[in-house]
Amino acid sequence: MVKKVIVLFLWIALIFNFELVAFSDPVLIESKNKAGKNVLVEPQGDATYNSKLIDIKNASYGELQSRLDKMEINIEKMDAGIEKIYRELDEINKNIKSMSVEVEETKKKLDEASEKLDSTKELFHKRMRALYINGHTNYIEIIFSSDSLDGFINNLEIAKEIMEYDNSTIKQLKYEKSVVEEQKRVLEEKINKLVALKNNKESKLKELEESRKQENILILEAKRQQRLYLANKIYSQRIRKNQAKINETIKNIEKLVKEVPTMQVSRGSVPISQAAVVVYAAEFLGRPYVYGGNGPKYFDCSGFVKYVYAHFGIELSRTTYTQVKEGVYVPRDKLQLGDLIFFGTKYNVHHVGIYVGNDCYIHAPHTGDRIKISILTRNDYVCARRIIPEH
């Protein structure tokens, strides 16, 4: 029964995949007219955005495809950047919360130190008042109040001990208070720096999200222009050739469905094989991309890869930055089903997908897109890693 559902889903993907790629929605956004009803209007942007929009409208098909590839890669980079900032903000908020607790505890210690110091000073003042009541205004009078040499020496020792004790106690308490005050100052300074860093990150996040929003609109316009080019037979043939390769890959996966063991419901208990990984990954074709998405309703690129492999009991790390270090390196000409393929640069990997054969891969592309199968033609390919152990 499960296999029939998978096959049916793959047929739906095969039938509609071309329309999803070539006949995407025009560049229109929803707004409200004076009557309060939703209407579709053309988006407005700044001078740079409008300039890019004009360039897209005047581009040839080849230029369009090249720009579209670059824009989609930019979106992936922005999504990766946004995800990274969210992780950093989460860590900053945790540190602020932790330090705020420390500040409160330090304030309590400071209050206790102040109370001790005040109490000691009060005791000192009481002693001085007692001396005054007894007719002595200071320790000197106590020393010279004796009638004999022995009494003088005894009074001298007593006065000395009292003064040393008072001075030592007050000095120690003042020191302890200053230490706590310094601890409080350092903690508050750290919190202020963290808050400033948090504000900076949130500002960058806002800029990235705005840039991504405009880039998505440009992508929609580029795809709309591609749709117009379909009226030209030559361009239509070029698009259909690429689509035929993807359709062929989907059919190959459909054949794999019949070969792998029946999928079990419980995650982590399914026998793993290269084919099984591909078949399971294909079950999620069409699910929307949402950055930070862990599945199963929506995913980001690394969340999708992690979710698929977790089904087979293999726990991968959560980000592309760490997943690229897992498994073993595989040369591009030795790719096999289930291998992870990474994109970006050597020092900044920002996207990952799963190789499904026929020079194609399945992935959760970027914001505004859905899990799909793409041809491995990108120029920002970095490397591949094999997760399934060799037998």
Protein backbone atom coordinates (compact mmCIF):
# COMPACT_ATOMS: atom_id res chain seq x y z
CA MET A 1 0.00 0.00 0.00
CA VAL A 2 2.84 2.39 0.95
CA LYS A 3 4.64 1.68 -2.33
CA LYS A 4 1.48 2.45 -4.33
CA VAL A 5 1.19 5.82 -2.61
CA ILE A 6 4.84 6.63 -3.39
CA VAL A 7 4.42 5.62 -7.05
CA LEU A 8 1.25 7.74 -7.33
CA PHE A 9 3.07 10.73 -5.84
CA LEU A 10 5.99 10.32 -8.25
CA TRP A 11 3.58 10.25 -11.22
CA ILE A 12 1.99 13.48 -10.01
CA ALA A 13 5.45 15.02 -9.71
CA LEU A 14 6.30 13.79 -13.22
CA ILE A 15 3.14 15.26 -14.76
CA PHE A 16 3.28 18.64 -13.07
CA ASN A 17 7.01 19.19 -12.68
CA PHE A 18 7.37 20.93 -16.05
CA GLU A 19 4.57 23.37 -15.31
CA LEU A 20 6.02 24.10 -11.87
CA VAL A 21 9.39 25.00 -13.37
CA ALA A 22 8.43 26.76 -16.58
CA PHE A 23 5.02 28.29 -15.84
CA SER A 24 5.58 29.92 -12.48
CA ASP A 25 3.43 32.78 -11.26
CA PRO A 26 4.00 36.26 -12.72
CA VAL A 27 5.61 38.96 -10.59
CA LEU A 28 2.56 40.15 -8.71
CA ILE A 29 2.01 40.69 -5.04
CA GLU A 30 -1.19 40.84 -3.03
CA SER A 31 -2.39 44.22 -1.81
CA LYS A 32 -5.69 45.86 -0.83
CA ASN A 33 -7.60 48.39 -2.94
CA LYS A 34 -9.66 51.27 -1.55
CA ALA A 35 -12.63 48.95 -1.09
CA GLY A 36 -10.48 46.73 1.13
CA LYS A 37 -10.44 43.83 -1.32
CA ASN A 38 -7.28 41.88 -2.16
CA VAL A 39 -5.89 42.68 -5.61
CA LEU A 40 -2.69 41.80 -7.47
CA VAL A 41 -0.32 44.67 -8.15
CA GLU A 42 3.20 45.01 -9.51
CA PRO A 43 5.80 45.39 -6.73
CA GLN A 44 7.64 48.67 -6.23
CA GLY A 45 11.34 48.82 -5.36
CA ASP A 46 14.32 51.12 -5.15
CA ALA A 47 16.42 52.29 -8.12
CA THR A 48 18.77 49.28 -7.98
CA TYR A 49 15.86 46.85 -7.87
CA ASN A 50 14.08 48.58 -10.79
CA SER A 51 17.31 48.54 -12.79
CA LYS A 52 17.67 44.79 -12.23
CA LEU A 53 14.03 44.30 -13.21
CA ILE A 54 14.58 46.13 -16.52
CA ASP A 55 17.71 44.07 -17.21
CA ILE A 56 15.74 40.86 -16.66
CA LYS A 57 12.98 41.94 -19.02
CA ASN A 58 15.54 42.71 -21.75
CA ALA A 59 17.69 39.59 -21.28
CA SER A 60 17.99 36.67 -23.69
CA TYR A 61 16.99 33.18 -22.57
CA GLY A 62 20.60 32.19 -21.92
CA GLU A 63 21.21 35.33 -19.88
CA LEU A 64 17.96 34.74 -18.02
CA GLN A 65 18.93 31.20 -17.06
CA SER A 66 22.38 32.34 -15.94
CA ARG A 67 20.94 35.18 -13.85
CA LEU A 68 18.24 32.93 -12.46
CA ASP A 69 20.86 30.41 -11.32
CA LYS A 70 22.88 33.17 -9.65
CA MET A 71 19.82 34.68 -7.97
CA GLU A 72 18.72 31.32 -6.60
CA ILE A 73 22.23 30.75 -5.27
CA ASN A 74 22.07 34.21 -3.65
CA ILE A 75 18.78 33.26 -2.01
CA GLU A 76 20.39 30.09 -0.66
CA LYS A 77 23.26 32.17 0.74
CA MET A 78 20.81 34.60 2.34
CA ASP A 79 18.81 31.75 3.85
CA ALA A 80 22.03 30.26 5.24
CA GLY A 81 23.03 33.68 6.58
CA ILE A 82 19.63 34.22 8.19
CA GLU A 83 19.70 30.77 9.77
CA LYS A 84 23.20 31.47 11.12
CA ILE A 85 22.11 34.81 12.61
CA TYR A 86 19.10 33.16 14.27
CA ARG A 87 21.41 30.60 15.87
CA GLU A 88 23.75 33.38 17.02
CA LEU A 89 20.81 35.39 18.42
CA ASP A 90 19.60 32.34 20.29
CA GLU A 91 23.06 31.93 21.85
CA ILE A 92 23.27 35.65 22.68
CA ASN A 93 19.83 35.58 24.35
CA LYS A 94 20.89 32.56 26.42
CA ASN A 95 24.05 34.38 27.53
CA ILE A 96 22.10 37.54 28.39
CA LYS A 97 19.63 35.51 30.43
CA SER A 98 22.41 33.65 32.23
CA MET A 99 24.36 36.84 32.99
CA SER A 100 21.21 38.64 34.14
CA VAL A 101 20.75 35.90 36.74
CA GLU A 102 24.40 36.38 37.79
CA VAL A 103 23.84 40.14 38.09
CA GLU A 104 20.85 39.59 40.38
CA GLU A 105 22.89 37.19 42.53
CA THR A 106 25.75 39.71 42.61
CA LYS A 107 23.34 42.46 43.68
CA LYS A 108 22.26 40.27 46.60
CA LYS A 109 25.91 39.76 47.59
CA LEU A 110 26.48 43.50 47.29
CA ASP A 111 23.50 44.20 49.55
CA GLU A 112 24.84 41.69 52.09
CA ALA A 113 28.31 43.27 51.98
CA SER A 114 26.81 46.74 52.44
CA GLU A 115 24.74 45.53 55.38
CA LYS A 116 27.81 44.01 57.06
CA LEU A 117 29.81 47.19 56.55
CA ASP A 118 26.97 49.36 57.85
CA SER A 119 26.52 47.04 60.84
CA THR A 120 30.22 47.20 61.69
CA LYS A 121 30.27 50.98 61.36
CA GLU A 122 27.20 51.21 63.60
CA LEU A 123 28.93 49.02 66.19
CA PHE A 124 31.95 51.32 66.04
CA HIS A 125 29.74 54.39 66.51
CA LYS A 126 27.95 52.76 69.45
CA ARG A 127 31.30 52.09 71.08
CA MET A 128 32.31 55.72 70.60
CA ARG A 129 28.99 56.91 72.07
CA ALA A 130 29.52 54.64 75.08
CA LEU A 131 32.97 56.13 75.62
CA TYR A 132 31.51 59.63 75.49
CA ILE A 133 28.76 58.74 77.99
CA ASN A 134 31.39 57.39 80.37
CA GLY A 135 33.26 60.65 80.17
CA HIS A 136 35.81 59.70 77.51
CA THR A 137 35.83 61.39 74.12
CA ASN A 138 38.40 59.15 72.50
CA TYR A 139 40.85 56.26 72.98
CA ILE A 140 43.58 58.65 74.20
CA GLU A 141 41.55 59.55 77.27
CA ILE A 142 41.00 55.86 78.01
CA ILE A 143 44.74 55.24 77.92
CA PHE A 144 45.56 58.13 80.28
CA SER A 145 42.61 57.52 82.61
CA SER A 146 44.49 54.92 84.64
CA ASP A 147 46.03 55.75 88.07
CA SER A 148 48.96 53.36 87.78
CA LEU A 149 51.63 52.29 85.30
CA ASP A 150 50.15 48.81 85.03
CA GLY A 151 46.73 50.30 84.39
CA PHE A 152 48.22 52.62 81.76
CA ILE A 153 49.91 49.71 79.94
CA ASN A 154 46.78 47.59 80.17
CA ASN A 155 44.59 50.41 78.80
CA LEU A 156 47.11 50.99 76.03
CA GLU A 157 46.94 47.34 74.91
CA ILE A 158 43.13 47.35 75.04
CA ALA A 159 42.86 50.55 73.02
CA LYS A 160 45.37 49.26 70.48
CA GLU A 161 43.48 45.97 70.00
CA ILE A 162 40.15 47.75 69.64
CA MET A 163 41.49 50.22 67.08
CA GLU A 164 43.25 47.49 65.06
CA TYR A 165 40.14 45.34 65.08
CA ASP A 166 37.91 48.22 64.02
CA ASN A 167 40.26 49.35 61.26
CA SER A 168 40.92 45.82 60.02
CA THR A 169 37.24 44.85 59.99
CA ILE A 170 36.11 47.99 58.21
CA LYS A 171 38.98 47.75 55.71
CA GLN A 172 38.16 44.09 54.95
CA LEU A 173 34.47 44.79 54.52
CA LYS A 174 35.18 47.74 52.24
CA TYR A 175 37.44 45.50 50.15
CA GLU A 176 34.81 42.75 49.93
CA LYS A 177 32.22 45.30 48.88
CA SER A 178 34.53 46.75 46.20
CA VAL A 179 35.16 43.23 44.81
CA VAL A 180 31.43 42.57 44.50
CA GLU A 181 30.87 46.01 42.95
CA GLU A 182 33.57 45.25 40.36
CA GLN A 183 31.96 41.88 39.59
CA LYS A 184 28.63 43.62 39.08
CA ARG A 185 30.23 46.28 36.86
CA VAL A 186 31.98 43.65 34.68
CA LEU A 187 28.78 41.61 34.29
CA GLU A 188 26.71 44.67 33.38
CA GLU A 189 29.38 45.71 30.88
CA LYS A 190 29.26 42.25 29.28
CA ILE A 191 25.47 42.39 29.11
CA ASN A 192 25.61 45.84 27.48
CA LYS A 193 28.04 44.48 24.88
CA LEU A 194 25.79 41.47 24.25
CA VAL A 195 22.74 43.71 23.88
CA ALA A 196 24.67 45.88 21.39
CA LEU A 197 25.73 42.74 19.50
CA LYS A 198 22.13 41.51 19.55
CA ASN A 199 20.89 44.81 18.11
CA ASN A 200 23.56 44.63 15.41
CA LYS A 201 22.58 41.06 14.50
CA GLU A 202 18.89 41.97 14.40
CA SER A 203 19.70 44.90 12.11
CA LYS A 204 21.65 42.61 9.77
CA LEU A 205 18.81 40.09 9.91
CA LYS A 206 16.32 42.75 8.85
CA GLU A 207 18.56 43.80 5.95
CA LEU A 208 19.01 40.19 4.82
CA GLU A 209 15.29 39.46 4.95
CA GLU A 210 14.53 42.61 2.93
CA SER A 211 17.20 41.71 0.34
CA ARG A 212 15.85 38.18 0.14
CA LYS A 213 12.34 39.51 -0.38
CA GLN A 214 13.45 41.63 -3.36
CA GLU A 215 15.58 38.80 -4.76
CA ASN A 216 12.57 36.48 -4.64
CA ILE A 217 10.52 38.99 -6.63
CA LEU A 218 13.30 39.18 -9.23
CA ILE A 219 13.35 35.39 -9.44
CA LEU A 220 9.61 35.34 -10.08
CA GLU A 221 10.05 37.91 -12.85
CA ALA A 222 12.87 35.88 -14.43
CA LYS A 223 10.67 32.79 -14.41
CA ARG A 224 7.82 34.78 -15.94
CA GLN A 225 10.14 35.86 -18.75
CA GLN A 226 11.15 32.24 -19.24
CA ARG A 227 7.51 31.38 -19.71
CA LEU A 228 7.26 33.97 -22.46
CA TYR A 229 10.27 32.44 -24.20
CA LEU A 230 8.40 29.14 -24.46
CA ALA A 231 6.55 30.64 -27.42
CA ASN A 232 9.85 30.31 -29.28
CA LYS A 233 10.40 26.71 -30.44
CA ILE A 234 14.20 26.76 -29.94
CA TYR A 235 14.00 27.92 -26.36
CA SER A 236 11.11 25.56 -25.71
CA GLN A 237 13.21 22.61 -26.90
CA ARG A 238 16.07 23.64 -24.61
CA ILE A 239 13.79 23.78 -21.58
CA ARG A 240 12.10 20.51 -22.48
CA LYS A 241 15.47 18.80 -22.85
CA ASN A 242 16.38 19.69 -19.27
CA GLN A 243 12.93 18.74 -18.07
CA ALA A 244 13.15 15.39 -19.84
CA LYS A 245 16.26 14.56 -17.81
CA ILE A 246 14.45 15.35 -14.58
CA ASN A 247 11.42 13.31 -15.67
CA GLU A 248 13.71 10.40 -16.51
CA THR A 249 15.21 10.63 -13.02
CA ILE A 250 11.75 10.57 -11.45
CA LYS A 251 10.92 7.43 -13.45
CA ASN A 252 14.15 5.83 -12.26
CA ILE A 253 13.15 6.55 -8.66
CA GLU A 254 9.74 5.03 -9.39
CA LYS A 255 11.51 1.81 -10.41
CA LEU A 256 13.55 1.89 -7.20
CA VAL A 257 10.33 1.96 -5.17
CA LYS A 258 9.62 -1.61 -6.30
CA GLU A 259 13.12 -2.79 -5.38
CA VAL A 260 13.61 -1.48 -1.84
CA PRO A 261 12.02 -3.08 1.27
CA THR A 262 8.60 -1.81 2.33
CA MET A 263 8.97 1.41 4.31
CA GLN A 264 8.21 1.05 8.01
CA VAL A 265 6.44 3.72 10.00
CA SER A 266 8.87 3.88 12.93
CA ARG A 267 11.86 6.08 12.23
CA GLY A 268 15.31 4.61 12.80
CA SER A 269 14.25 0.99 12.17
CA VAL A 270 14.30 0.85 8.36
CA PRO A 271 17.07 -1.14 6.63
CA ILE A 272 19.38 1.33 4.90
CA SER A 273 20.57 1.20 1.32
CA GLN A 274 21.46 3.83 -1.26
CA ALA A 275 18.19 3.20 -3.11
CA ALA A 276 16.14 3.31 0.10
CA VAL A 277 17.53 6.77 0.95
CA VAL A 278 16.57 8.13 -2.48
CA VAL A 279 13.09 6.60 -2.41
CA TYR A 280 12.37 7.98 1.06
CA ALA A 281 13.70 11.43 0.14
CA ALA A 282 11.40 11.49 -2.91
CA GLU A 283 8.36 11.13 -0.64
CA PHE A 284 8.83 14.79 0.29
CA LEU A 285 8.84 16.25 -3.23
CA GLY A 286 6.79 19.44 -3.23
CA ARG A 287 7.12 20.17 0.50
CA PRO A 288 7.82 23.91 1.04
CA TYR A 289 11.18 25.34 2.06
CA VAL A 290 11.18 27.21 5.37
CA TYR A 291 14.52 28.17 6.92
CA GLY A 292 15.00 26.41 10.21
CA GLY A 293 12.45 23.78 9.10
CA ASN A 294 13.08 20.33 10.56
CA GLY A 295 10.18 18.51 8.85
CA PRO A 296 8.07 16.77 8.01
CA LYS A 297 5.70 19.52 6.80
CA TYR A 298 8.50 21.88 5.75
CA PHE A 299 12.29 21.88 5.63
CA ASP A 300 15.41 23.87 4.97
CA CYS A 301 18.23 22.18 3.04
CA SER A 302 20.21 20.73 5.94
CA GLY A 303 17.06 19.95 7.92
CA PHE A 304 15.77 17.89 4.97
CA VAL A 305 19.01 15.88 4.70
CA LYS A 306 19.10 15.29 8.46
CA TYR A 307 15.45 14.17 8.52
CA VAL A 308 15.92 11.69 5.65
CA TYR A 309 18.95 10.01 7.20
CA ALA A 310 17.41 9.98 10.69
CA HIS A 311 14.70 7.73 9.21
CA PHE A 312 17.40 5.09 8.83
CA GLY A 313 18.90 5.58 12.27
CA ILE A 314 21.78 7.80 11.12
CA GLU A 315 21.95 11.05 13.10
CA LEU A 316 23.63 13.85 11.17
CA SER A 317 24.45 17.28 12.57
CA ARG A 318 22.02 20.13 11.86
CA THR A 319 23.83 22.58 9.58
CA THR A 320 25.62 22.49 6.22
CA TYR A 321 28.72 23.87 7.96
CA THR A 322 28.98 20.67 10.02
CA GLN A 323 27.39 18.14 7.65
CA VAL A 324 30.14 18.82 5.11
CA LYS A 325 32.59 17.27 7.61
CA GLU A 326 30.61 14.04 8.04
CA GLY A 327 31.01 10.77 6.16
CA VAL A 328 33.87 10.33 3.66
CA TYR A 329 34.93 12.43 0.68
CA VAL A 330 33.70 11.27 -2.76
CA PRO A 331 35.06 12.55 -6.13
CA ARG A 332 32.41 14.08 -8.39
CA ASP A 333 32.83 11.36 -11.03
CA LYS A 334 32.24 8.65 -8.39
CA LEU A 335 28.89 9.88 -7.07
CA GLN A 336 26.39 7.25 -5.94
CA LEU A 337 22.76 7.32 -4.83
CA GLY A 338 22.36 8.89 -1.40
CA ASP A 339 25.63 10.84 -1.40
CA LEU A 340 25.42 14.35 0.04
CA ILE A 341 26.48 17.10 -2.37
CA PHE A 342 27.47 20.55 -1.17
CA PHE A 343 27.47 23.98 -2.82
CA GLY A 344 29.02 27.37 -2.08
CA THR A 345 32.75 27.90 -1.62
CA LYS A 346 35.47 25.92 0.13
CA TYR A 347 35.24 28.15 3.19
CA ASN A 348 31.52 28.95 3.08
CA VAL A 349 29.30 26.00 2.22
CA HIS A 350 25.69 27.21 2.17
CA HIS A 351 23.61 24.46 0.49
CA VAL A 352 23.27 20.67 0.50
CA GLY A 353 21.26 18.08 -1.42
CA ILE A 354 21.07 14.29 -1.92
CA TYR A 355 22.34 12.71 -5.15
CA VAL A 356 19.59 10.66 -6.85
CA GLY A 357 21.45 9.48 -9.97
CA ASN A 358 21.37 10.57 -13.62
CA ASP A 359 23.44 13.66 -12.71
CA CYS A 360 20.51 14.96 -10.62
CA TYR A 361 19.92 15.69 -6.95
CA ILE A 362 16.94 16.28 -4.65
CA HIS A 363 17.02 19.27 -2.32
CA ALA A 364 15.09 21.94 -0.44
CA PRO A 365 16.29 24.94 -2.52
CA HIS A 366 15.44 28.24 -0.85
CA THR A 367 12.68 30.48 0.48
CA GLY A 368 9.77 30.60 -1.96
CA ASP A 369 10.58 27.20 -3.47
CA ARG A 370 9.76 23.57 -2.72
CA ILE A 371 11.66 20.30 -2.47
CA LYS A 372 12.48 19.29 -6.02
CA ILE A 373 14.89 17.42 -8.27
CA SER A 374 17.46 19.53 -10.13
CA ILE A 375 20.18 18.80 -12.67
CA LEU A 376 23.72 19.03 -11.31
CA THR A 377 24.87 21.92 -13.52
CA ARG A 378 25.65 24.60 -10.92
CA ASN A 379 29.08 26.22 -11.00
CA ASP A 380 29.34 26.47 -7.21
CA TYR A 381 29.66 22.72 -6.57
CA VAL A 382 32.09 22.18 -3.68
CA CYS A 383 32.28 18.48 -2.80
CA ALA A 384 30.38 15.29 -1.98
CA ARG A 385 30.34 13.15 1.17
CA ARG A 386 29.24 9.52 1.47
CA ILE A 387 27.25 8.76 4.61
CA ILE A 388 26.23 5.15 3.97
CA PRO A 389 29.15 2.87 4.96
CA GLU A 390 30.75 0.73 2.24
CA HIS A 391 30.02 -3.00 2.55
